[in-house]
Amino acid sequence: MIASASTRGYPFFLQAQQRYADTKEEIIHDPIVTIPFETMQRMKNYPAIQVVWEQLIYTHYKPDNDHYGLYLRDICTQQNLGDVYYALHTFDITDELHEINVPILIIYGDRDYIVSENMIQVIITDFGDKADVLKIKDCGHSPMVDQLNILTEAIEKFIG
């Protein structure tokens, strides 16, 4: 499994109120993150989505034009962004960590602007000795695009 969040989820910060969300409704109706991005998706505003992605996701390398177009069209098929944000906001497996008894590979990029360094350290601490850790240079939130060869080699070595 490749996960894009912490063992303790991804808290949704309401920028207008300068606090974390309390309810699903606050996340779904957020005027700064959720509503604008869902509007871009509905309108299939590929250039605007691409700007967001290049600021937050593809921070070093970018997909080739053919793949980028496919990714942008796929992003616009998602109809439940508020629900996804809420699921990430409430996700927490800390009570179940003791039940995970398999080796774990934690891979993250030095240019990931989505999952903070603090969140990465929480994951590393939560899994402790059960986990191997690899920090990839020149890699953002999408190692499958930024550093596919390094990602593939690391996974192959890990499961080898």
Protein backbone atom coordinates (compact mmCIF):
# COMPACT_ATOMS: atom_id res chain seq x y z
CA MET A 1 0.00 0.00 0.00
CA ILE A 2 1.22 3.46 -0.81
CA ALA A 3 -0.37 5.96 1.55
CA SER A 4 -0.38 9.73 1.23
CA ALA A 5 -1.09 10.68 4.81
CA SER A 6 0.00 10.04 8.36
CA THR A 7 -0.91 7.21 10.68
CA ARG A 8 -2.94 9.91 12.40
CA GLY A 9 -4.65 11.20 9.29
CA TYR A 10 -4.37 14.64 7.81
CA PRO A 11 -6.01 17.37 9.87
CA PHE A 12 -8.10 19.80 7.81
CA PHE A 13 -7.20 23.38 8.67
CA LEU A 14 -9.85 26.03 8.10
CA GLN A 15 -7.76 28.94 6.94
CA ALA A 16 -10.53 31.53 7.25
CA GLN A 17 -11.14 30.65 10.91
CA GLN A 18 -7.50 29.78 11.69
CA ARG A 19 -8.43 26.49 13.34
CA TYR A 20 -8.92 22.81 12.56
CA ALA A 21 -12.33 21.66 11.40
CA ASP A 22 -14.78 20.18 13.89
CA THR A 23 -17.37 18.80 11.49
CA LYS A 24 -17.70 17.24 8.08
CA GLU A 25 -19.93 20.13 7.03
CA GLU A 26 -17.18 22.64 7.77
CA ILE A 27 -14.83 20.69 5.49
CA ILE A 28 -17.36 20.21 2.70
CA HIS A 29 -18.34 23.89 2.72
CA ASP A 30 -14.83 25.29 3.20
CA PRO A 31 -14.61 28.38 0.94
CA ILE A 32 -10.82 28.39 0.62
CA VAL A 33 -9.86 24.79 -0.19
CA THR A 34 -12.78 22.46 -0.86
CA ILE A 35 -15.26 24.67 -2.75
CA PRO A 36 -12.72 26.28 -5.12
CA PHE A 37 -11.10 22.98 -6.03
CA GLU A 38 -14.42 21.20 -6.51
CA THR A 39 -15.46 24.11 -8.75
CA MET A 40 -12.31 23.66 -10.83
CA GLN A 41 -13.11 19.96 -11.12
CA ARG A 42 -16.74 20.53 -12.17
CA MET A 43 -15.71 23.15 -14.72
CA LYS A 44 -12.88 20.92 -15.96
CA ASN A 45 -10.56 23.87 -15.52
CA TYR A 46 -7.43 21.92 -16.41
CA PRO A 47 -5.07 24.92 -16.46
CA ALA A 48 -6.08 25.96 -12.93
CA ILE A 49 -5.79 22.41 -11.61
CA GLN A 50 -2.39 22.11 -13.26
CA VAL A 51 -1.20 25.26 -11.46
CA VAL A 52 -2.30 23.81 -8.12
CA TRP A 53 -0.68 20.46 -8.87
CA GLU A 54 2.60 22.08 -9.87
CA GLN A 55 2.69 24.08 -6.65
CA LEU A 56 1.83 21.17 -4.35
CA ILE A 57 2.23 17.77 -6.01
CA TYR A 58 4.68 17.83 -8.92
CA THR A 59 7.28 20.01 -7.24
CA HIS A 60 10.32 18.86 -9.21
CA TYR A 61 9.50 16.68 -12.19
CA LYS A 62 6.27 16.75 -14.10
CA PRO A 63 4.46 14.07 -16.08
CA ASP A 64 4.88 14.09 -19.85
CA ASN A 65 2.12 15.97 -21.67
CA ASP A 66 0.14 12.86 -22.65
CA HIS A 67 0.08 11.51 -19.11
CA TYR A 68 -0.54 14.94 -17.61
CA GLY A 69 -3.66 15.31 -19.73
CA LEU A 70 -4.90 11.91 -18.60
CA TYR A 71 -4.22 12.75 -14.95
CA LEU A 72 -6.05 16.09 -15.21
CA ARG A 73 -9.09 14.47 -16.80
CA ASP A 74 -9.05 11.78 -14.11
CA ILE A 75 -8.86 14.39 -11.34
CA CYS A 76 -12.06 15.92 -12.73
CA THR A 77 -13.96 12.64 -12.42
CA GLN A 78 -13.72 12.74 -8.63
CA GLN A 79 -17.05 13.81 -7.16
CA ASN A 80 -16.41 13.48 -3.42
CA LEU A 81 -13.48 15.69 -2.49
CA GLY A 82 -15.11 16.94 0.73
CA ASP A 83 -15.69 13.34 1.80
CA VAL A 84 -12.06 12.48 1.06
CA TYR A 85 -10.84 15.44 3.11
CA TYR A 86 -13.13 14.42 5.98
CA ALA A 87 -11.94 10.80 5.85
CA LEU A 88 -8.34 11.97 6.01
CA HIS A 89 -9.20 14.41 8.79
CA THR A 90 -10.69 11.68 10.99
CA PHE A 91 -8.33 8.81 10.03
CA ASP A 92 -6.26 7.52 12.96
CA ILE A 93 -4.78 4.04 13.30
CA THR A 94 -2.67 4.66 16.38
CA ASP A 95 -4.79 2.26 18.45
CA GLU A 96 -4.27 -0.48 15.85
CA LEU A 97 -0.53 -0.02 15.25
CA HIS A 98 0.33 -2.89 17.61
CA GLU A 99 -1.65 -5.23 15.33
CA ILE A 100 0.57 -4.53 12.33
CA ASN A 101 3.15 -7.30 12.32
CA VAL A 102 4.68 -7.04 8.88
CA PRO A 103 7.70 -5.12 7.63
CA ILE A 104 6.91 -1.57 6.57
CA LEU A 105 8.63 0.66 4.06
CA ILE A 106 8.20 4.39 4.59
CA ILE A 107 9.16 6.41 1.53
CA TYR A 108 8.86 10.15 1.32
CA GLY A 109 10.18 13.00 -0.75
CA ASP A 110 12.30 15.89 0.42
CA ARG A 111 10.01 18.21 -1.55
CA ASP A 112 6.63 16.91 -0.36
CA TYR A 113 4.56 20.00 0.41
CA ILE A 114 1.45 18.00 1.32
CA VAL A 115 2.69 15.68 4.06
CA SER A 116 4.79 17.81 6.41
CA GLU A 117 8.12 16.78 7.87
CA ASN A 118 6.39 16.65 11.27
CA MET A 119 3.80 14.19 9.93
CA ILE A 120 6.58 12.06 8.44
CA GLN A 121 8.37 11.96 11.79
CA VAL A 122 5.13 10.88 13.48
CA ILE A 123 4.82 7.98 11.02
CA ILE A 124 8.44 6.98 11.57
CA THR A 125 8.01 7.16 15.35
CA ASP A 126 4.70 5.30 15.27
CA PHE A 127 6.17 2.35 13.36
CA GLY A 128 9.56 2.41 15.07
CA ASP A 129 11.75 -0.63 14.41
CA LYS A 130 9.10 -2.23 12.17
CA ALA A 131 9.88 0.24 9.39
CA ASP A 132 12.62 0.91 6.91
CA VAL A 133 12.74 4.57 5.92
CA LEU A 134 13.83 6.11 2.63
CA LYS A 135 13.86 9.85 1.98
CA ILE A 136 14.07 10.51 -1.77
CA LYS A 137 15.92 13.57 -3.03
CA ASP A 138 14.15 15.83 -5.54
CA CYS A 139 10.83 14.12 -4.86
CA GLY A 140 7.50 15.69 -4.00
CA HIS A 141 4.19 14.13 -3.03
CA SER A 142 4.11 11.86 -6.07
CA PRO A 143 7.16 9.59 -6.16
CA MET A 144 5.50 7.66 -8.99
CA VAL A 145 6.09 10.74 -11.16
CA ASP A 146 9.05 12.44 -9.49
CA GLN A 147 11.34 9.46 -8.98
CA LEU A 148 9.74 6.31 -10.39
CA ASN A 149 13.04 4.46 -10.87
CA ILE A 150 14.17 5.07 -7.29
CA LEU A 151 10.71 4.17 -5.96
CA THR A 152 10.62 0.96 -7.99
CA GLU A 153 14.13 -0.08 -6.93
CA ALA A 154 13.32 0.58 -3.27
CA ILE A 155 10.12 -1.48 -3.38
CA GLU A 156 11.79 -4.32 -5.29
CA LYS A 157 14.67 -4.39 -2.79
CA PHE A 158 12.25 -4.27 0.13
CA ILE A 159 10.09 -7.16 -1.07
CA GLY A 160 13.05 -8.98 -2.69
